[in-house]
Amino acid sequence: MADKNNILDRYTAGARLNHWINAILMICLVLSGMALFHPSLFFLTDLFGGGTMARIVHPWIGVLAMLSFLGLFIRFWRFNLWTRDDSAWMRNVKHVVSGDEAKVPEAGKYNAGQKLVFWLMSILTILLLTSGLAMWDSQFGEYTTIDQKRLAVVVHAGAAVALLIVVITHIYAAIWIRGTIRGMTRGSVTGGWAWRHHRKWLREEVGKTK
């Protein structure tokens, strides 16, 4: 909701806490996963108490990360439903990159790029969860065959690399679009930022104050 100082609430304290917990868990998941991915990265296991501990904690961190992401999904999926305006936004994304967002349809709380990131993260998270469970021998080893485990390893590695690329893109965009990070640290954004990047959402928020 907008206030008289031209500041709009964008994220609640609960949503921000959920986001940063998920971010921390994802960092731990990436580091422990990389440590087990290739011998040249095995030194990273020292961060988790050695190779044995890294193998033990990695899947449990994964479970916590998935639960944390589920919290984000429940909070935000409604705002990320695709519309015709999003398709038009994607067709004209070159104007967004060049800083001329007036030439693309007005964005709601999230633009098409953000929605694409959200759904890619959701799909890749499901792939990581299912393939990870198939690889988790100490808990589910008796329920999967050797061939299924081999397939799970390939899917898990591919999904992990893809998710890492999506997350890096997400972070880069948050830094590149000045004022965006404020929303997830302070919970609010300026009216100017909203007018430039999420004009439709701004109109909706201003309408709530009337």
N, C-alpha and C. Protein backbone atom coordinates (compact mmCIF):
# COMPACT_ATOMS: atom_id res chain seq x y z
N MET A 1 0.84 -1.20 0.00
CA MET A 1 0.00 0.00 0.00
C MET A 1 0.88 1.25 0.00
N ALA A 2 0.47 2.28 -0.74
CA ALA A 2 1.25 3.50 -0.84
C ALA A 2 0.98 4.41 0.35
N ASP A 3 2.00 5.23 0.73
CA ASP A 3 1.80 6.19 1.81
C ASP A 3 2.10 7.59 1.30
N LYS A 4 1.94 8.58 2.17
CA LYS A 4 2.09 9.97 1.77
C LYS A 4 3.52 10.33 1.40
N ASN A 5 4.48 9.51 1.78
CA ASN A 5 5.88 9.78 1.45
C ASN A 5 6.32 9.11 0.15
N ASN A 6 5.34 8.64 -0.63
CA ASN A 6 5.63 8.01 -1.92
C ASN A 6 6.41 6.71 -1.76
N ILE A 7 6.17 6.01 -0.68
CA ILE A 7 6.80 4.70 -0.43
C ILE A 7 5.70 3.64 -0.41
N LEU A 8 5.96 2.54 -1.10
CA LEU A 8 4.97 1.48 -1.18
C LEU A 8 5.48 0.21 -0.51
N ASP A 9 4.61 -0.42 0.25
CA ASP A 9 4.94 -1.73 0.83
C ASP A 9 4.92 -2.77 -0.28
N ARG A 10 5.99 -3.57 -0.36
CA ARG A 10 6.05 -4.59 -1.41
C ARG A 10 6.11 -6.01 -0.83
N TYR A 11 6.87 -6.19 0.25
CA TYR A 11 6.98 -7.51 0.86
C TYR A 11 6.83 -7.41 2.37
N THR A 12 6.08 -8.34 2.94
CA THR A 12 5.93 -8.40 4.39
C THR A 12 7.22 -8.92 5.03
N ALA A 13 7.32 -8.75 6.33
CA ALA A 13 8.49 -9.26 7.05
C ALA A 13 8.59 -10.78 6.91
N GLY A 14 7.44 -11.45 6.94
CA GLY A 14 7.42 -12.90 6.80
C GLY A 14 7.92 -13.35 5.44
N ALA A 15 7.52 -12.65 4.39
CA ALA A 15 7.95 -12.99 3.04
C ALA A 15 9.45 -12.78 2.88
N ARG A 16 9.95 -11.69 3.45
CA ARG A 16 11.39 -11.41 3.34
C ARG A 16 12.20 -12.45 4.11
N LEU A 17 11.73 -12.80 5.30
CA LEU A 17 12.43 -13.82 6.09
C LEU A 17 12.45 -15.14 5.34
N ASN A 18 11.32 -15.51 4.75
CA ASN A 18 11.22 -16.73 3.95
C ASN A 18 12.22 -16.71 2.80
N HIS A 19 12.29 -15.58 2.11
CA HIS A 19 13.20 -15.43 0.97
C HIS A 19 14.65 -15.60 1.38
N TRP A 20 15.07 -14.94 2.46
CA TRP A 20 16.48 -14.97 2.85
C TRP A 20 16.87 -16.31 3.46
N ILE A 21 15.94 -16.97 4.13
CA ILE A 21 16.22 -18.33 4.61
C ILE A 21 16.44 -19.25 3.42
N ASN A 22 15.59 -19.10 2.41
CA ASN A 22 15.74 -19.91 1.20
C ASN A 22 17.06 -19.61 0.50
N ALA A 23 17.44 -18.34 0.47
CA ALA A 23 18.70 -17.96 -0.18
C ALA A 23 19.90 -18.59 0.53
N ILE A 24 19.90 -18.54 1.86
CA ILE A 24 21.00 -19.13 2.64
C ILE A 24 21.06 -20.64 2.43
N LEU A 25 19.91 -21.28 2.46
CA LEU A 25 19.87 -22.73 2.25
C LEU A 25 20.34 -23.09 0.85
N MET A 26 20.00 -22.27 -0.14
CA MET A 26 20.42 -22.53 -1.51
C MET A 26 21.93 -22.41 -1.65
N ILE A 27 22.53 -21.44 -0.96
CA ILE A 27 23.99 -21.29 -0.99
C ILE A 27 24.65 -22.53 -0.40
N CYS A 28 24.14 -22.97 0.74
CA CYS A 28 24.68 -24.19 1.38
C CYS A 28 24.49 -25.40 0.48
N LEU A 29 23.36 -25.45 -0.20
CA LEU A 29 23.06 -26.58 -1.08
C LEU A 29 24.01 -26.59 -2.28
N VAL A 30 24.25 -25.42 -2.85
CA VAL A 30 25.16 -25.32 -4.00
C VAL A 30 26.57 -25.71 -3.60
N LEU A 31 27.04 -25.19 -2.47
CA LEU A 31 28.41 -25.48 -2.03
C LEU A 31 28.60 -26.96 -1.72
N SER A 32 27.66 -27.55 -1.01
CA SER A 32 27.78 -28.97 -0.67
C SER A 32 27.61 -29.84 -1.92
N GLY A 33 26.74 -29.40 -2.83
CA GLY A 33 26.55 -30.15 -4.07
C GLY A 33 27.78 -30.09 -4.96
N MET A 34 28.38 -28.91 -5.07
CA MET A 34 29.60 -28.77 -5.87
C MET A 34 30.73 -29.61 -5.29
N ALA A 35 30.79 -29.68 -3.97
CA ALA A 35 31.84 -30.46 -3.30
C ALA A 35 31.76 -31.93 -3.67
N LEU A 36 30.54 -32.41 -3.93
CA LEU A 36 30.34 -33.82 -4.25
C LEU A 36 30.28 -34.07 -5.76
N PHE A 37 30.29 -32.99 -6.53
CA PHE A 37 30.10 -33.11 -7.98
C PHE A 37 31.36 -33.55 -8.71
N HIS A 38 32.51 -33.02 -8.29
CA HIS A 38 33.77 -33.31 -8.99
C HIS A 38 34.92 -33.33 -7.99
N PRO A 39 35.89 -34.24 -8.18
CA PRO A 39 37.02 -34.33 -7.24
C PRO A 39 37.77 -33.02 -7.04
N SER A 40 37.83 -32.19 -8.09
CA SER A 40 38.57 -30.93 -7.97
C SER A 40 37.90 -29.96 -7.00
N LEU A 41 36.63 -30.21 -6.69
CA LEU A 41 35.89 -29.33 -5.78
C LEU A 41 35.69 -29.96 -4.41
N PHE A 42 36.33 -31.10 -4.19
CA PHE A 42 36.13 -31.84 -2.94
C PHE A 42 36.57 -31.04 -1.71
N PHE A 43 37.49 -30.09 -1.92
CA PHE A 43 37.97 -29.28 -0.79
C PHE A 43 36.83 -28.52 -0.12
N LEU A 44 35.73 -28.30 -0.85
CA LEU A 44 34.59 -27.59 -0.28
C LEU A 44 33.90 -28.38 0.82
N THR A 45 34.18 -29.69 0.87
CA THR A 45 33.56 -30.50 1.93
C THR A 45 34.05 -30.07 3.31
N ASP A 46 35.21 -29.40 3.36
CA ASP A 46 35.72 -28.91 4.65
C ASP A 46 34.75 -27.94 5.31
N LEU A 47 33.94 -27.26 4.49
CA LEU A 47 32.96 -26.32 5.03
C LEU A 47 31.87 -27.04 5.82
N PHE A 48 31.73 -28.34 5.58
CA PHE A 48 30.67 -29.10 6.21
C PHE A 48 31.20 -30.20 7.12
N GLY A 49 32.50 -30.13 7.44
CA GLY A 49 33.07 -31.11 8.35
C GLY A 49 33.66 -32.33 7.69
N GLY A 50 33.93 -32.24 6.37
CA GLY A 50 34.53 -33.37 5.66
C GLY A 50 33.58 -34.05 4.70
N GLY A 51 34.12 -34.98 3.91
CA GLY A 51 33.33 -35.64 2.88
C GLY A 51 32.13 -36.40 3.40
N THR A 52 32.31 -37.14 4.47
CA THR A 52 31.20 -37.93 5.02
C THR A 52 30.06 -37.04 5.48
N MET A 53 30.40 -35.98 6.21
CA MET A 53 29.36 -35.07 6.70
C MET A 53 28.68 -34.34 5.55
N ALA A 54 29.45 -33.98 4.53
CA ALA A 54 28.86 -33.29 3.38
C ALA A 54 27.82 -34.17 2.70
N ARG A 55 28.14 -35.46 2.57
CA ARG A 55 27.19 -36.40 1.96
C ARG A 55 25.94 -36.58 2.82
N ILE A 56 26.11 -36.49 4.12
CA ILE A 56 24.97 -36.66 5.03
C ILE A 56 24.08 -35.42 5.03
N VAL A 57 24.70 -34.24 5.12
CA VAL A 57 23.89 -33.02 5.28
C VAL A 57 23.31 -32.50 3.97
N HIS A 58 23.95 -32.80 2.84
CA HIS A 58 23.47 -32.25 1.56
C HIS A 58 21.99 -32.56 1.30
N PRO A 59 21.56 -33.81 1.39
CA PRO A 59 20.13 -34.07 1.13
C PRO A 59 19.20 -33.45 2.16
N TRP A 60 19.65 -33.35 3.41
CA TRP A 60 18.80 -32.72 4.43
C TRP A 60 18.68 -31.22 4.20
N ILE A 61 19.77 -30.60 3.77
CA ILE A 61 19.70 -29.18 3.39
C ILE A 61 18.73 -29.03 2.23
N GLY A 62 18.79 -29.99 1.31
CA GLY A 62 17.89 -29.96 0.16
C GLY A 62 16.43 -30.02 0.58
N VAL A 63 16.11 -30.87 1.53
CA VAL A 63 14.73 -30.97 2.02
C VAL A 63 14.29 -29.64 2.62
N LEU A 64 15.15 -29.03 3.44
CA LEU A 64 14.82 -27.75 4.06
C LEU A 64 14.65 -26.66 3.00
N ALA A 65 15.52 -26.68 1.99
CA ALA A 65 15.43 -25.68 0.91
C ALA A 65 14.13 -25.84 0.14
N MET A 66 13.73 -27.08 -0.11
CA MET A 66 12.49 -27.31 -0.84
C MET A 66 11.27 -26.85 -0.03
N LEU A 67 11.29 -27.10 1.27
CA LEU A 67 10.19 -26.65 2.13
C LEU A 67 10.13 -25.13 2.17
N SER A 68 11.31 -24.51 2.22
CA SER A 68 11.38 -23.06 2.23
C SER A 68 10.84 -22.49 0.91
N PHE A 69 11.22 -23.13 -0.20
CA PHE A 69 10.73 -22.66 -1.49
C PHE A 69 9.22 -22.86 -1.61
N LEU A 70 8.72 -23.93 -1.01
CA LEU A 70 7.28 -24.16 -1.02
C LEU A 70 6.55 -23.00 -0.36
N GLY A 71 7.14 -22.47 0.72
CA GLY A 71 6.55 -21.31 1.37
C GLY A 71 6.48 -20.11 0.44
N LEU A 72 7.54 -19.90 -0.35
CA LEU A 72 7.55 -18.81 -1.32
C LEU A 72 6.53 -19.06 -2.42
N PHE A 73 6.45 -20.30 -2.86
CA PHE A 73 5.51 -20.64 -3.93
C PHE A 73 4.07 -20.35 -3.50
N ILE A 74 3.74 -20.76 -2.30
CA ILE A 74 2.38 -20.54 -1.79
C ILE A 74 2.07 -19.05 -1.69
N ARG A 75 3.06 -18.26 -1.32
CA ARG A 75 2.87 -16.81 -1.17
C ARG A 75 2.67 -16.12 -2.51
N PHE A 76 3.41 -16.56 -3.54
CA PHE A 76 3.52 -15.74 -4.75
C PHE A 76 2.97 -16.33 -6.04
N TRP A 77 2.49 -17.57 -6.04
CA TRP A 77 2.10 -18.16 -7.32
C TRP A 77 0.98 -17.38 -8.00
N ARG A 78 0.06 -16.83 -7.23
CA ARG A 78 -1.07 -16.10 -7.83
C ARG A 78 -0.61 -14.88 -8.61
N PHE A 79 0.46 -14.25 -8.13
CA PHE A 79 0.96 -13.05 -8.79
C PHE A 79 1.79 -13.38 -10.03
N ASN A 80 2.07 -14.66 -10.23
CA ASN A 80 2.94 -15.08 -11.34
C ASN A 80 2.20 -15.83 -12.43
N LEU A 81 0.88 -15.77 -12.44
CA LEU A 81 0.10 -16.39 -13.51
C LEU A 81 0.31 -15.61 -14.80
N TRP A 82 0.49 -16.32 -15.88
CA TRP A 82 0.83 -15.71 -17.17
C TRP A 82 -0.39 -15.06 -17.82
N THR A 83 -0.20 -13.90 -18.45
CA THR A 83 -1.28 -13.19 -19.13
C THR A 83 -0.84 -12.83 -20.55
N ARG A 84 -1.76 -12.32 -21.34
CA ARG A 84 -1.43 -11.89 -22.71
C ARG A 84 -0.42 -10.76 -22.69
N ASP A 85 -0.54 -9.88 -21.70
CA ASP A 85 0.41 -8.77 -21.59
C ASP A 85 1.83 -9.29 -21.37
N ASP A 86 1.95 -10.40 -20.67
CA ASP A 86 3.28 -10.97 -20.44
C ASP A 86 3.90 -11.46 -21.75
N SER A 87 3.08 -12.05 -22.61
CA SER A 87 3.58 -12.51 -23.91
C SER A 87 4.05 -11.32 -24.74
N ALA A 88 3.27 -10.23 -24.70
CA ALA A 88 3.65 -9.02 -25.43
C ALA A 88 4.92 -8.42 -24.83
N TRP A 89 5.05 -8.49 -23.52
CA TRP A 89 6.24 -7.98 -22.82
C TRP A 89 7.48 -8.73 -23.29
N MET A 90 7.36 -10.06 -23.40
CA MET A 90 8.50 -10.87 -23.82
C MET A 90 8.89 -10.58 -25.26
N ARG A 91 7.89 -10.33 -26.11
CA ARG A 91 8.19 -10.03 -27.52
C ARG A 91 8.92 -8.70 -27.67
N ASN A 92 8.77 -7.84 -26.69
CA ASN A 92 9.39 -6.51 -26.74
C ASN A 92 10.44 -6.31 -25.65
N VAL A 93 11.02 -7.41 -25.19
CA VAL A 93 11.97 -7.34 -24.07
C VAL A 93 13.19 -6.49 -24.40
N LYS A 94 13.49 -6.32 -25.70
CA LYS A 94 14.64 -5.49 -26.08
C LYS A 94 14.48 -4.06 -25.57
N HIS A 95 13.24 -3.59 -25.48
CA HIS A 95 13.01 -2.24 -24.97
C HIS A 95 13.28 -2.16 -23.47
N VAL A 96 13.04 -3.26 -22.77
CA VAL A 96 13.34 -3.31 -21.34
C VAL A 96 14.84 -3.26 -21.13
N VAL A 97 15.56 -4.03 -21.93
CA VAL A 97 17.02 -4.07 -21.82
C VAL A 97 17.63 -2.71 -22.13
N SER A 98 17.03 -1.99 -23.08
CA SER A 98 17.56 -0.68 -23.46
C SER A 98 17.08 0.43 -22.53
N GLY A 99 16.22 0.08 -21.55
CA GLY A 99 15.75 1.06 -20.58
C GLY A 99 14.55 1.86 -21.03
N ASP A 100 13.87 1.40 -22.08
CA ASP A 100 12.70 2.11 -22.60
C ASP A 100 11.44 1.29 -22.32
N GLU A 101 11.11 1.12 -21.04
CA GLU A 101 10.00 0.26 -20.65
C GLU A 101 8.63 0.84 -20.99
N ALA A 102 8.60 2.10 -21.44
CA ALA A 102 7.33 2.70 -21.83
C ALA A 102 6.76 2.03 -23.08
N LYS A 103 7.60 1.32 -23.81
CA LYS A 103 7.18 0.67 -25.05
C LYS A 103 6.68 -0.76 -24.84
N VAL A 104 6.64 -1.22 -23.61
CA VAL A 104 6.12 -2.57 -23.33
C VAL A 104 4.87 -2.43 -22.46
N PRO A 105 4.00 -3.45 -22.44
CA PRO A 105 2.80 -3.38 -21.60
C PRO A 105 3.15 -3.15 -20.13
N GLU A 106 2.30 -2.41 -19.44
CA GLU A 106 2.54 -2.15 -18.03
C GLU A 106 2.56 -3.46 -17.25
N ALA A 107 3.52 -3.58 -16.34
CA ALA A 107 3.66 -4.81 -15.55
C ALA A 107 2.91 -4.69 -14.23
N GLY A 108 2.38 -5.83 -13.78
CA GLY A 108 1.75 -5.89 -12.48
C GLY A 108 2.82 -6.04 -11.41
N LYS A 109 2.54 -6.79 -10.37
CA LYS A 109 3.54 -6.95 -9.30
C LYS A 109 4.82 -7.56 -9.84
N TYR A 110 4.69 -8.46 -10.83
CA TYR A 110 5.86 -9.06 -11.46
C TYR A 110 5.74 -8.96 -12.97
N ASN A 111 6.87 -8.69 -13.63
CA ASN A 111 6.85 -8.66 -15.08
C ASN A 111 7.07 -10.06 -15.64
N ALA A 112 7.02 -10.19 -16.95
CA ALA A 112 7.11 -11.51 -17.58
C ALA A 112 8.44 -12.19 -17.30
N GLY A 113 9.52 -11.41 -17.25
CA GLY A 113 10.82 -11.99 -16.95
C GLY A 113 10.86 -12.60 -15.56
N GLN A 114 10.30 -11.89 -14.60
CA GLN A 114 10.26 -12.39 -13.22
C GLN A 114 9.37 -13.63 -13.12
N LYS A 115 8.27 -13.62 -13.85
CA LYS A 115 7.37 -14.78 -13.84
C LYS A 115 8.06 -16.00 -14.44
N LEU A 116 8.82 -15.78 -15.51
CA LEU A 116 9.55 -16.88 -16.14
C LEU A 116 10.55 -17.48 -15.16
N VAL A 117 11.26 -16.62 -14.43
CA VAL A 117 12.21 -17.09 -13.42
C VAL A 117 11.48 -17.89 -12.34
N PHE A 118 10.34 -17.39 -11.90
CA PHE A 118 9.57 -18.07 -10.85
C PHE A 118 9.18 -19.48 -11.28
N TRP A 119 8.64 -19.62 -12.48
CA TRP A 119 8.17 -20.93 -12.92
C TRP A 119 9.32 -21.87 -13.26
N LEU A 120 10.41 -21.33 -13.79
CA LEU A 120 11.59 -22.17 -14.03
C LEU A 120 12.13 -22.70 -12.71
N MET A 121 12.21 -21.82 -11.70
CA MET A 121 12.66 -22.26 -10.38
C MET A 121 11.74 -23.34 -9.82
N SER A 122 10.45 -23.17 -10.01
CA SER A 122 9.48 -24.15 -9.49
C SER A 122 9.66 -25.51 -10.15
N ILE A 123 9.77 -25.52 -11.47
CA ILE A 123 9.92 -26.77 -12.21
C ILE A 123 11.24 -27.45 -11.87
N LEU A 124 12.32 -26.67 -11.85
CA LEU A 124 13.64 -27.23 -11.56
C LEU A 124 13.73 -27.73 -10.13
N THR A 125 13.04 -27.05 -9.22
CA THR A 125 13.02 -27.50 -7.82
C THR A 125 12.35 -28.87 -7.70
N ILE A 126 11.27 -29.06 -8.44
CA ILE A 126 10.59 -30.37 -8.43
C ILE A 126 11.51 -31.45 -9.00
N LEU A 127 12.21 -31.13 -10.08
CA LEU A 127 13.15 -32.10 -10.68
C LEU A 127 14.27 -32.45 -9.71
N LEU A 128 14.79 -31.44 -9.02
CA LEU A 128 15.86 -31.68 -8.05
C LEU A 128 15.37 -32.53 -6.88
N LEU A 129 14.16 -32.25 -6.43
CA LEU A 129 13.60 -33.00 -5.31
C LEU A 129 13.40 -34.47 -5.67
N THR A 130 12.73 -34.71 -6.79
CA THR A 130 12.44 -36.10 -7.18
C THR A 130 13.70 -36.88 -7.50
N SER A 131 14.63 -36.26 -8.23
CA SER A 131 15.87 -36.97 -8.57
C SER A 131 16.74 -37.15 -7.33
N GLY A 132 16.71 -36.15 -6.44
CA GLY A 132 17.49 -36.25 -5.21
C GLY A 132 17.02 -37.38 -4.31
N LEU A 133 15.71 -37.53 -4.21
CA LEU A 133 15.15 -38.62 -3.40
C LEU A 133 15.54 -39.98 -3.99
N ALA A 134 15.56 -40.07 -5.32
CA ALA A 134 15.93 -41.33 -5.97
C ALA A 134 17.39 -41.68 -5.73
N MET A 135 18.22 -40.66 -5.50
CA MET A 135 19.65 -40.87 -5.27
C MET A 135 19.98 -41.08 -3.80
N TRP A 136 19.03 -40.81 -2.92
CA TRP A 136 19.28 -40.82 -1.48
C TRP A 136 19.21 -42.26 -0.96
N ASP A 137 20.29 -42.97 -1.10
CA ASP A 137 20.32 -44.40 -0.80
C ASP A 137 20.00 -44.73 0.65
N SER A 138 20.49 -43.91 1.58
CA SER A 138 20.29 -44.23 3.00
C SER A 138 18.82 -44.19 3.40
N GLN A 139 18.01 -43.45 2.65
CA GLN A 139 16.59 -43.32 2.99
C GLN A 139 15.67 -44.05 2.00
N PHE A 140 16.04 -44.02 0.71
CA PHE A 140 15.14 -44.56 -0.31
C PHE A 140 15.82 -45.53 -1.27
N GLY A 141 17.00 -46.01 -0.90
CA GLY A 141 17.76 -46.88 -1.78
C GLY A 141 17.02 -48.12 -2.24
N GLU A 142 16.21 -48.68 -1.38
CA GLU A 142 15.52 -49.94 -1.71
C GLU A 142 14.36 -49.75 -2.67
N TYR A 143 13.98 -48.49 -2.91
CA TYR A 143 12.81 -48.24 -3.76
C TYR A 143 13.17 -47.92 -5.21
N THR A 144 14.45 -47.81 -5.52
CA THR A 144 14.86 -47.47 -6.88
C THR A 144 15.87 -48.48 -7.41
N THR A 145 15.85 -48.67 -8.73
CA THR A 145 16.79 -49.58 -9.38
C THR A 145 18.07 -48.84 -9.73
N ILE A 146 19.09 -49.59 -10.14
CA ILE A 146 20.36 -48.98 -10.55
C ILE A 146 20.14 -48.05 -11.74
N ASP A 147 19.37 -48.49 -12.71
CA ASP A 147 19.11 -47.65 -13.89
C ASP A 147 18.37 -46.37 -13.51
N GLN A 148 17.45 -46.47 -12.59
CA GLN A 148 16.73 -45.28 -12.13
C GLN A 148 17.65 -44.32 -11.41
N LYS A 149 18.57 -44.88 -10.64
CA LYS A 149 19.55 -44.04 -9.93
C LYS A 149 20.45 -43.31 -10.93
N ARG A 150 20.88 -44.04 -11.97
CA ARG A 150 21.74 -43.42 -12.98
C ARG A 150 21.02 -42.28 -13.70
N LEU A 151 19.77 -42.52 -14.03
CA LEU A 151 18.97 -41.46 -14.67
C LEU A 151 18.80 -40.29 -13.72
N ALA A 152 18.57 -40.58 -12.44
CA ALA A 152 18.40 -39.52 -11.44
C ALA A 152 19.64 -38.66 -11.32
N VAL A 153 20.82 -39.28 -11.41
CA VAL A 153 22.08 -38.53 -11.32
C VAL A 153 22.18 -37.53 -12.46
N VAL A 154 21.83 -37.96 -13.68
CA VAL A 154 21.89 -37.08 -14.85
C VAL A 154 20.89 -35.94 -14.72
N VAL A 155 19.66 -36.28 -14.33
CA VAL A 155 18.61 -35.27 -14.17
C VAL A 155 18.99 -34.28 -13.07
N HIS A 156 19.50 -34.80 -11.96
CA HIS A 156 19.87 -33.95 -10.83
C HIS A 156 20.96 -32.96 -11.21
N ALA A 157 21.98 -33.46 -11.90
CA ALA A 157 23.09 -32.58 -12.30
C ALA A 157 22.62 -31.53 -13.30
N GLY A 158 21.82 -31.94 -14.28
CA GLY A 158 21.33 -30.99 -15.27
C GLY A 158 20.42 -29.94 -14.66
N ALA A 159 19.52 -30.37 -13.79
CA ALA A 159 18.60 -29.43 -13.14
C ALA A 159 19.35 -28.47 -12.22
N ALA A 160 20.39 -28.98 -11.55
CA ALA A 160 21.18 -28.14 -10.64
C ALA A 160 21.91 -27.04 -11.41
N VAL A 161 22.51 -27.40 -12.55
CA VAL A 161 23.21 -26.41 -13.37
C VAL A 161 22.22 -25.38 -13.91
N ALA A 162 21.08 -25.86 -14.39
CA ALA A 162 20.06 -24.96 -14.93
C ALA A 162 19.54 -24.01 -13.85
N LEU A 163 19.29 -24.53 -12.65
CA LEU A 163 18.79 -23.69 -11.56
C LEU A 163 19.83 -22.66 -11.15
N LEU A 164 21.09 -23.05 -11.15
CA LEU A 164 22.16 -22.11 -10.80
C LEU A 164 22.19 -20.95 -11.79
N ILE A 165 22.01 -21.26 -13.08
CA ILE A 165 21.97 -20.21 -14.10
C ILE A 165 20.78 -19.28 -13.88
N VAL A 166 19.63 -19.85 -13.56
CA VAL A 166 18.43 -19.05 -13.31
C VAL A 166 18.61 -18.16 -12.08
N VAL A 167 19.21 -18.70 -11.03
CA VAL A 167 19.43 -17.93 -9.80
C VAL A 167 20.42 -16.79 -10.05
N ILE A 168 21.48 -17.06 -10.81
CA ILE A 168 22.45 -16.01 -11.14
C ILE A 168 21.76 -14.91 -11.94
N THR A 169 20.90 -15.29 -12.88
CA THR A 169 20.14 -14.31 -13.65
C THR A 169 19.24 -13.48 -12.74
N HIS A 170 18.60 -14.14 -11.79
CA HIS A 170 17.72 -13.48 -10.82
C HIS A 170 18.50 -12.45 -10.00
N ILE A 171 19.68 -12.83 -9.53
CA ILE A 171 20.51 -11.93 -8.73
C ILE A 171 21.00 -10.76 -9.57
N TYR A 172 21.46 -11.06 -10.78
CA TYR A 172 21.97 -10.01 -11.67
C TYR A 172 20.88 -8.98 -11.97
N ALA A 173 19.67 -9.46 -12.27
CA ALA A 173 18.57 -8.55 -12.58
C ALA A 173 18.22 -7.67 -11.38
N ALA A 174 18.26 -8.26 -10.18
CA ALA A 174 17.94 -7.50 -8.97
C ALA A 174 18.96 -6.38 -8.73
N ILE A 175 20.22 -6.65 -9.09
CA ILE A 175 21.27 -5.64 -8.93
C ILE A 175 21.20 -4.62 -10.06
N TRP A 176 20.97 -5.11 -11.28
CA TRP A 176 20.94 -4.25 -12.47
C TRP A 176 19.81 -3.23 -12.41
N ILE A 177 18.63 -3.66 -11.96
CA ILE A 177 17.49 -2.74 -11.87
C ILE A 177 17.55 -2.04 -10.52
N ARG A 178 18.08 -0.87 -10.54
CA ARG A 178 18.33 -0.11 -9.32
C ARG A 178 17.06 0.08 -8.48
N GLY A 179 17.17 -0.19 -7.19
CA GLY A 179 16.05 -0.03 -6.27
C GLY A 179 15.28 -1.30 -6.00
N THR A 180 15.61 -2.37 -6.75
CA THR A 180 14.87 -3.63 -6.59
C THR A 180 15.21 -4.33 -5.28
N ILE A 181 16.49 -4.37 -4.93
CA ILE A 181 16.91 -5.09 -3.73
C ILE A 181 16.28 -4.49 -2.48
N ARG A 182 16.02 -3.19 -2.52
CA ARG A 182 15.38 -2.53 -1.37
C ARG A 182 14.07 -3.22 -0.98
N GLY A 183 13.34 -3.69 -1.98
CA GLY A 183 12.06 -4.34 -1.70
C GLY A 183 12.20 -5.58 -0.84
N MET A 184 13.33 -6.30 -1.02
CA MET A 184 13.52 -7.53 -0.27
C MET A 184 14.38 -7.33 0.98
N THR A 185 14.88 -6.12 1.20
CA THR A 185 15.63 -5.84 2.43
C THR A 185 14.80 -4.98 3.38
N ARG A 186 14.21 -3.92 2.85
CA ARG A 186 13.38 -3.04 3.68
C ARG A 186 11.89 -3.39 3.61
N GLY A 187 11.51 -4.08 2.56
CA GLY A 187 10.10 -4.43 2.39
C GLY A 187 9.30 -3.40 1.62
N SER A 188 9.96 -2.31 1.21
CA SER A 188 9.25 -1.24 0.51
C SER A 188 10.05 -0.76 -0.70
N VAL A 189 9.35 -0.07 -1.62
CA VAL A 189 9.99 0.51 -2.80
C VAL A 189 9.47 1.93 -2.97
N THR A 190 10.16 2.70 -3.77
CA THR A 190 9.71 4.07 -4.02
C THR A 190 8.64 4.09 -5.11
N GLY A 191 7.85 5.14 -5.10
CA GLY A 191 6.84 5.29 -6.13
C GLY A 191 7.46 5.43 -7.51
N GLY A 192 8.62 6.09 -7.57
CA GLY A 192 9.31 6.25 -8.85
C GLY A 192 9.73 4.92 -9.44
N TRP A 193 10.24 4.05 -8.59
CA TRP A 193 10.65 2.71 -9.04
C TRP A 193 9.44 1.94 -9.56
N ALA A 194 8.35 2.01 -8.81
CA ALA A 194 7.14 1.29 -9.20
C ALA A 194 6.57 1.84 -10.51
N TRP A 195 6.61 3.16 -10.67
CA TRP A 195 6.09 3.79 -11.89
C TRP A 195 6.90 3.36 -13.11
N ARG A 196 8.17 3.24 -12.95
CA ARG A 196 9.02 2.89 -14.09
C ARG A 196 8.94 1.40 -14.44
N HIS A 197 8.88 0.54 -13.44
CA HIS A 197 9.01 -0.90 -13.69
C HIS A 197 7.73 -1.71 -13.50
N HIS A 198 6.81 -1.23 -12.66
CA HIS A 198 5.60 -2.01 -12.36
C HIS A 198 4.40 -1.07 -12.26
N ARG A 199 4.14 -0.39 -13.36
CA ARG A 199 3.14 0.69 -13.36
C ARG A 199 1.73 0.18 -13.05
N LYS A 200 1.39 -0.97 -13.59
CA LYS A 200 0.05 -1.53 -13.33
C LYS A 200 -0.13 -1.84 -11.85
N TRP A 201 0.90 -2.39 -11.24
CA TRP A 201 0.86 -2.70 -9.81
C TRP A 201 0.74 -1.42 -9.00
N LEU A 202 1.45 -0.37 -9.41
CA LEU A 202 1.39 0.92 -8.72
C LEU A 202 -0.04 1.47 -8.73
N ARG A 203 -0.68 1.40 -9.89
CA ARG A 203 -2.06 1.89 -9.98
C ARG A 203 -2.97 1.13 -9.01
N GLU A 204 -2.76 -0.18 -8.93
CA GLU A 204 -3.57 -1.00 -8.03
C GLU A 204 -3.34 -0.61 -6.57
N GLU A 205 -2.08 -0.38 -6.21
CA GLU A 205 -1.76 -0.03 -4.83
C GLU A 205 -2.29 1.35 -4.46
N VAL A 206 -2.17 2.30 -5.39
CA VAL A 206 -2.69 3.65 -5.14
C VAL A 206 -4.21 3.60 -5.00
N GLY A 207 -4.84 2.74 -5.81
CA GLY A 207 -6.29 2.60 -5.75
C GLY A 207 -6.78 2.12 -4.40
N LYS A 208 -5.95 1.36 -3.69
CA LYS A 208 -6.34 0.85 -2.37
C LYS A 208 -6.42 1.95 -1.32
N THR A 209 -5.72 3.07 -1.57
CA THR A 209 -5.69 4.15 -0.59
C THR A 209 -6.84 5.14 -0.78
N LYS A 210 -7.56 4.98 -1.88
CA LYS A 210 -8.65 5.92 -2.16
C LYS A 210 -9.96 5.47 -1.53
